[in-house]
């Protein structure tokens, strides 16, 4: 276990260096051509979740509101909300990766558990966000936005940005990739 922990710690320290080297070596990409790409992708993910809630025949889920948060907005969150918080952006060759957490805010634990289960289910069922949620807002429309679970510890993100008590949070990575031409 000690060797594995040391190797893991070593690799975690190397990761930012490797990411920065790959990003520096990459030529300009369609993923970075539009400066609005990060904002549009994040809004697209939140809009997708809002639309999915509205499609469900579940009055309880419809009581939730969705918000994209900045670092100074954690203190003002009301119960029965799902929040999206972008905490890191990395560029890997032609890809742009957006590291984010989805947090669940409820009056009781079962409310938060239900929202967490629903988010997990929706993003696993639809790992590629449909282009209708972002393509018409960008100059470049040949991009794909894929969501996958991340092994990043959401508790560390919480500790970096707020003194608020930890909320149930799920870590994800959204990868923005150019769609290969046929």
C-alpha atoms as a PDB file:
ATOM      1  CA  UNK A   1       0.000   0.000   0.000  1.00  0.00           C
ATOM      2  CA  UNK A   2       2.860   2.393   0.827  1.00  0.00           C
ATOM      3  CA  UNK A   3       4.431   1.938  -2.616  1.00  0.00           C
ATOM      4  CA  UNK A   4       1.079   2.355  -4.342  1.00  0.00           C
ATOM      5  CA  UNK A   5       0.364   5.530  -2.371  1.00  0.00           C
ATOM      6  CA  UNK A   6       3.804   6.930  -3.177  1.00  0.00           C
ATOM      7  CA  UNK A   7       3.392   6.128  -6.882  1.00  0.00           C
ATOM      8  CA  UNK A   8      -0.096   7.646  -6.912  1.00  0.00           C
ATOM      9  CA  UNK A   9       1.133  10.790  -5.133  1.00  0.00           C
ATOM     10  CA  UNK A  10       4.030  11.063  -7.568  1.00  0.00           C
ATOM     11  CA  UNK A  11       1.716  10.729 -10.586  1.00  0.00           C
ATOM     12  CA  UNK A  12      -0.711  13.294  -9.148  1.00  0.00           C
ATOM     13  CA  UNK A  13       2.179  15.758  -8.849  1.00  0.00           C
ATOM     14  CA  UNK A  14       3.230  15.083 -12.441  1.00  0.00           C
ATOM     15  CA  UNK A  15      -0.249  15.427 -13.936  1.00  0.00           C
ATOM     16  CA  UNK A  16      -0.349  19.264 -14.113  1.00  0.00           C
ATOM     17  CA  UNK A  17       3.100  19.299 -15.730  1.00  0.00           C
ATOM     18  CA  UNK A  18       2.085  16.718 -18.337  1.00  0.00           C
ATOM     19  CA  UNK A  19      -1.159  18.592 -19.068  1.00  0.00           C
ATOM     20  CA  UNK A  20       0.696  21.878 -19.504  1.00  0.00           C
ATOM     21  CA  UNK A  21       3.267  20.306 -21.851  1.00  0.00           C
ATOM     22  CA  UNK A  22       0.554  18.728 -24.010  1.00  0.00           C
ATOM     23  CA  UNK A  23      -1.402  21.983 -24.072  1.00  0.00           C
ATOM     24  CA  UNK A  24       1.680  24.001 -25.062  1.00  0.00           C
ATOM     25  CA  UNK A  25       2.591  21.569 -27.850  1.00  0.00           C
ATOM     26  CA  UNK A  26      -0.860  21.608 -29.413  1.00  0.00           C
ATOM     27  CA  UNK A  27      -1.658  23.862 -32.320  1.00  0.00           C
ATOM     28  CA  UNK A  28      -4.719  26.088 -32.151  1.00  0.00           C
ATOM     29  CA  UNK A  29      -7.801  23.942 -32.116  1.00  0.00           C
ATOM     30  CA  UNK A  30     -11.450  24.512 -32.906  1.00  0.00           C
ATOM     31  CA  UNK A  31     -12.059  23.880 -29.202  1.00  0.00           C
ATOM     32  CA  UNK A  32     -10.170  27.073 -28.341  1.00  0.00           C
ATOM     33  CA  UNK A  33     -11.073  29.150 -31.419  1.00  0.00           C
ATOM     34  CA  UNK A  34     -14.131  30.725 -29.785  1.00  0.00           C
ATOM     35  CA  UNK A  35     -13.394  32.463 -26.470  1.00  0.00           C
ATOM     36  CA  UNK A  36     -16.975  31.790 -25.319  1.00  0.00           C
ATOM     37  CA  UNK A  37     -16.530  28.014 -25.463  1.00  0.00           C
ATOM     38  CA  UNK A  38     -16.181  27.466 -21.706  1.00  0.00           C
ATOM     39  CA  UNK A  39     -19.196  29.606 -20.800  1.00  0.00           C
ATOM     40  CA  UNK A  40     -21.332  28.099 -23.562  1.00  0.00           C
ATOM     41  CA  UNK A  41     -20.399  24.510 -22.655  1.00  0.00           C
ATOM     42  CA  UNK A  42     -21.145  25.071 -18.951  1.00  0.00           C
ATOM     43  CA  UNK A  43     -24.473  26.756 -19.738  1.00  0.00           C
ATOM     44  CA  UNK A  44     -25.284  23.912 -22.125  1.00  0.00           C
ATOM     45  CA  UNK A  45     -24.770  21.303 -19.402  1.00  0.00           C
ATOM     46  CA  UNK A  46     -26.983  23.205 -16.942  1.00  0.00           C
ATOM     47  CA  UNK A  47     -29.658  23.793 -19.622  1.00  0.00           C
ATOM     48  CA  UNK A  48     -29.554  20.078 -20.488  1.00  0.00           C
ATOM     49  CA  UNK A  49     -30.184  19.125 -16.845  1.00  0.00           C
ATOM     50  CA  UNK A  50     -33.010  21.673 -16.556  1.00  0.00           C
ATOM     51  CA  UNK A  51     -34.681  20.306 -19.700  1.00  0.00           C
ATOM     52  CA  UNK A  52     -34.307  16.712 -18.500  1.00  0.00           C
ATOM     53  CA  UNK A  53     -36.001  17.562 -15.196  1.00  0.00           C
ATOM     54  CA  UNK A  54     -38.863  19.232 -17.075  1.00  0.00           C
ATOM     55  CA  UNK A  55     -39.323  16.157 -19.291  1.00  0.00           C
ATOM     56  CA  UNK A  56     -39.810  13.900 -16.280  1.00  0.00           C
ATOM     57  CA  UNK A  57     -43.267  13.237 -14.946  1.00  0.00           C
ATOM     58  CA  UNK A  58     -42.007  13.795 -11.418  1.00  0.00           C
ATOM     59  CA  UNK A  59     -43.392  16.791  -9.540  1.00  0.00           C
ATOM     60  CA  UNK A  60     -40.777  16.371  -6.808  1.00  0.00           C
ATOM     61  CA  UNK A  61     -37.836  16.717  -9.225  1.00  0.00           C
ATOM     62  CA  UNK A  62     -39.454  19.784 -10.754  1.00  0.00           C
ATOM     63  CA  UNK A  63     -39.212  21.571  -7.397  1.00  0.00           C
ATOM     64  CA  UNK A  64     -35.437  21.759  -7.847  1.00  0.00           C
ATOM     65  CA  UNK A  65     -33.787  24.784  -9.373  1.00  0.00           C
ATOM     66  CA  UNK A  66     -30.450  24.622 -11.185  1.00  0.00           C
ATOM     67  CA  UNK A  67     -27.646  27.161 -10.920  1.00  0.00           C
ATOM     68  CA  UNK A  68     -24.110  27.616 -12.198  1.00  0.00           C
ATOM     69  CA  UNK A  69     -22.106  29.002  -9.280  1.00  0.00           C
ATOM     70  CA  UNK A  70     -19.093  31.244  -8.977  1.00  0.00           C
ATOM     71  CA  UNK A  71     -16.776  31.085  -5.976  1.00  0.00           C
ATOM     72  CA  UNK A  72     -18.637  33.812  -4.068  1.00  0.00           C
ATOM     73  CA  UNK A  73     -22.129  32.309  -4.460  1.00  0.00           C
ATOM     74  CA  UNK A  74     -21.999  29.250  -2.175  1.00  0.00           C
ATOM     75  CA  UNK A  75     -23.316  31.142   0.849  1.00  0.00           C
ATOM     76  CA  UNK A  76     -26.531  32.232  -0.874  1.00  0.00           C
ATOM     77  CA  UNK A  77     -27.815  28.856  -2.071  1.00  0.00           C
ATOM     78  CA  UNK A  78     -31.376  27.959  -1.171  1.00  0.00           C
ATOM     79  CA  UNK A  79     -32.475  24.385  -0.435  1.00  0.00           C
ATOM     80  CA  UNK A  80     -33.827  22.166  -3.208  1.00  0.00           C
ATOM     81  CA  UNK A  81     -31.231  23.129  -5.755  1.00  0.00           C
ATOM     82  CA  UNK A  82     -28.645  21.483  -7.915  1.00  0.00           C
ATOM     83  CA  UNK A  83     -25.501  23.481  -8.563  1.00  0.00           C
ATOM     84  CA  UNK A  84     -22.798  23.325 -11.190  1.00  0.00           C
ATOM     85  CA  UNK A  85     -19.341  24.591 -10.192  1.00  0.00           C
ATOM     86  CA  UNK A  86     -16.448  24.655 -12.679  1.00  0.00           C
ATOM     87  CA  UNK A  87     -13.153  24.415 -10.816  1.00  0.00           C
ATOM     88  CA  UNK A  88     -10.495  23.536 -13.373  1.00  0.00           C
ATOM     89  CA  UNK A  89      -9.861  23.737 -17.118  1.00  0.00           C
ATOM     90  CA  UNK A  90      -7.165  21.740 -18.900  1.00  0.00           C
ATOM     91  CA  UNK A  91      -6.139  21.505 -22.510  1.00  0.00           C
ATOM     92  CA  UNK A  92      -4.908  18.179 -23.848  1.00  0.00           C
ATOM     93  CA  UNK A  93      -3.863  18.491 -27.488  1.00  0.00           C
ATOM     94  CA  UNK A  94      -7.097  19.321 -29.372  1.00  0.00           C
ATOM     95  CA  UNK A  95      -9.311  18.600 -26.372  1.00  0.00           C
ATOM     96  CA  UNK A  96     -10.490  20.993 -23.709  1.00  0.00           C
ATOM     97  CA  UNK A  97     -11.476  19.424 -20.385  1.00  0.00           C
ATOM     98  CA  UNK A  98     -13.779  21.162 -17.925  1.00  0.00           C
ATOM     99  CA  UNK A  99     -13.605  19.727 -14.401  1.00  0.00           C
ATOM    100  CA  UNK A 100     -16.754  20.431 -12.420  1.00  0.00           C
ATOM    101  CA  UNK A 101     -18.816  19.318  -9.471  1.00  0.00           C
ATOM    102  CA  UNK A 102     -22.574  19.012  -9.219  1.00  0.00           C
ATOM    103  CA  UNK A 103     -23.752  19.612  -5.654  1.00  0.00           C
ATOM    104  CA  UNK A 104     -27.102  18.749  -4.116  1.00  0.00           C
ATOM    105  CA  UNK A 105     -28.854  21.166  -1.755  1.00  0.00           C
ATOM    106  CA  UNK A 106     -31.924  19.941   0.095  1.00  0.00           C
ATOM    107  CA  UNK A 107     -33.871  20.285   3.342  1.00  0.00           C
ATOM    108  CA  UNK A 108     -33.121  16.652   4.194  1.00  0.00           C
ATOM    109  CA  UNK A 109     -30.612  13.989   3.239  1.00  0.00           C
ATOM    110  CA  UNK A 110     -33.125  11.906   1.269  1.00  0.00           C
ATOM    111  CA  UNK A 111     -33.818  14.930  -0.949  1.00  0.00           C
ATOM    112  CA  UNK A 112     -30.101  15.288  -1.696  1.00  0.00           C
ATOM    113  CA  UNK A 113     -29.741  11.540  -2.300  1.00  0.00           C
ATOM    114  CA  UNK A 114     -32.603  11.558  -4.787  1.00  0.00           C
ATOM    115  CA  UNK A 115     -31.107  14.465  -6.720  1.00  0.00           C
ATOM    116  CA  UNK A 116     -27.653  12.835  -6.749  1.00  0.00           C
ATOM    117  CA  UNK A 117     -29.134   9.583  -8.032  1.00  0.00           C
ATOM    118  CA  UNK A 118     -31.083  11.393 -10.719  1.00  0.00           C
ATOM    119  CA  UNK A 119     -28.014  13.358 -11.929  1.00  0.00           C
ATOM    120  CA  UNK A 120     -25.915  10.190 -12.015  1.00  0.00           C
ATOM    121  CA  UNK A 121     -28.606   8.367 -13.975  1.00  0.00           C
ATOM    122  CA  UNK A 122     -29.146  11.192 -16.499  1.00  0.00           C
ATOM    123  CA  UNK A 123     -25.463  11.763 -17.229  1.00  0.00           C
ATOM    124  CA  UNK A 124     -24.811   8.030 -17.589  1.00  0.00           C
ATOM    125  CA  UNK A 125     -27.805   7.615 -19.916  1.00  0.00           C
ATOM    126  CA  UNK A 126     -26.783  10.606 -22.018  1.00  0.00           C
ATOM    127  CA  UNK A 127     -22.984  11.016 -21.788  1.00  0.00           C
ATOM    128  CA  UNK A 128     -22.870  13.194 -24.914  1.00  0.00           C
ATOM    129  CA  UNK A 129     -24.716  16.480 -24.483  1.00  0.00           C
ATOM    130  CA  UNK A 130     -26.794  17.085 -27.634  1.00  0.00           C
ATOM    131  CA  UNK A 131     -25.394  19.863 -29.847  1.00  0.00           C
ATOM    132  CA  UNK A 132     -28.666  21.806 -29.597  1.00  0.00           C
ATOM    133  CA  UNK A 133     -27.549  22.947 -26.130  1.00  0.00           C
ATOM    134  CA  UNK A 134     -24.444  24.758 -27.347  1.00  0.00           C
ATOM    135  CA  UNK A 135     -23.856  24.663 -31.124  1.00  0.00           C
ATOM    136  CA  UNK A 136     -26.029  27.630 -32.111  1.00  0.00           C
ATOM    137  CA  UNK A 137     -24.223  29.865 -29.584  1.00  0.00           C
ATOM    138  CA  UNK A 138     -20.764  29.303 -31.091  1.00  0.00           C
ATOM    139  CA  UNK A 139     -18.993  30.347 -34.268  1.00  0.00           C
ATOM    140  CA  UNK A 140     -17.731  26.748 -34.556  1.00  0.00           C
ATOM    141  CA  UNK A 141     -20.466  24.119 -34.517  1.00  0.00           C
ATOM    142  CA  UNK A 142     -18.430  20.966 -35.134  1.00  0.00           C
ATOM    143  CA  UNK A 143     -17.758  20.162 -31.498  1.00  0.00           C
ATOM    144  CA  UNK A 144     -18.791  17.318 -29.235  1.00  0.00           C
ATOM    145  CA  UNK A 145     -19.357  17.658 -25.478  1.00  0.00           C
ATOM    146  CA  UNK A 146     -18.919  14.398 -23.539  1.00  0.00           C
ATOM    147  CA  UNK A 147     -19.434  13.973 -19.801  1.00  0.00           C
ATOM    148  CA  UNK A 148     -17.748  11.331 -17.665  1.00  0.00           C
ATOM    149  CA  UNK A 149     -17.306  10.716 -13.945  1.00  0.00           C
ATOM    150  CA  UNK A 150     -14.106  11.977 -12.382  1.00  0.00           C
ATOM    151  CA  UNK A 151     -12.125  10.471  -9.536  1.00  0.00           C
ATOM    152  CA  UNK A 152     -11.342  13.947  -8.179  1.00  0.00           C
ATOM    153  CA  UNK A 153     -12.330  14.418  -4.558  1.00  0.00           C
ATOM    154  CA  UNK A 154     -15.157  16.966  -4.381  1.00  0.00           C
ATOM    155  CA  UNK A 155     -14.321  17.582  -0.698  1.00  0.00           C
ATOM    156  CA  UNK A 156     -11.008  19.146  -1.726  1.00  0.00           C
ATOM    157  CA  UNK A 157     -12.802  21.479  -4.129  1.00  0.00           C
ATOM    158  CA  UNK A 158     -15.236  22.511  -1.374  1.00  0.00           C
ATOM    159  CA  UNK A 159     -12.387  23.258   1.033  1.00  0.00           C
ATOM    160  CA  UNK A 160     -10.688  25.455  -1.565  1.00  0.00           C
ATOM    161  CA  UNK A 161     -13.689  27.659  -2.310  1.00  0.00           C
ATOM    162  CA  UNK A 162     -15.879  27.888   0.784  1.00  0.00           C
ATOM    163  CA  UNK A 163     -16.143  27.406   4.509  1.00  0.00           C
ATOM    164  CA  UNK A 164     -19.722  26.188   4.091  1.00  0.00           C
ATOM    165  CA  UNK A 165     -20.466  22.643   5.296  1.00  0.00           C
ATOM    166  CA  UNK A 166     -19.767  19.990   2.693  1.00  0.00           C
ATOM    167  CA  UNK A 167     -22.709  19.146   0.440  1.00  0.00           C
ATOM    168  CA  UNK A 168     -23.230  15.891  -1.373  1.00  0.00           C
ATOM    169  CA  UNK A 169     -21.291  16.479  -4.595  1.00  0.00           C
ATOM    170  CA  UNK A 170     -20.462  14.512  -7.718  1.00  0.00           C
ATOM    171  CA  UNK A 171     -17.261  15.107  -9.698  1.00  0.00           C
ATOM    172  CA  UNK A 172     -17.352  15.118 -13.493  1.00  0.00           C
ATOM    173  CA  UNK A 173     -15.219  16.031 -16.480  1.00  0.00           C
ATOM    174  CA  UNK A 174     -16.728  17.504 -19.640  1.00  0.00           C
ATOM    175  CA  UNK A 175     -14.520  16.969 -22.672  1.00  0.00           C
ATOM    176  CA  UNK A 176     -14.935  19.335 -25.597  1.00  0.00           C
ATOM    177  CA  UNK A 177     -13.595  17.689 -28.736  1.00  0.00           C
ATOM    178  CA  UNK A 178     -13.633  18.582 -32.422  1.00  0.00           C
ATOM    179  CA  UNK A 179     -15.849  16.287 -34.460  1.00  0.00           C
ATOM    180  CA  UNK A 180     -13.745  14.615 -37.168  1.00  0.00           C
ATOM    181  CA  UNK A 181     -14.867  15.509 -40.672  1.00  0.00           C
ATOM    182  CA  UNK A 182     -16.139  12.589 -42.715  1.00  0.00           C
END
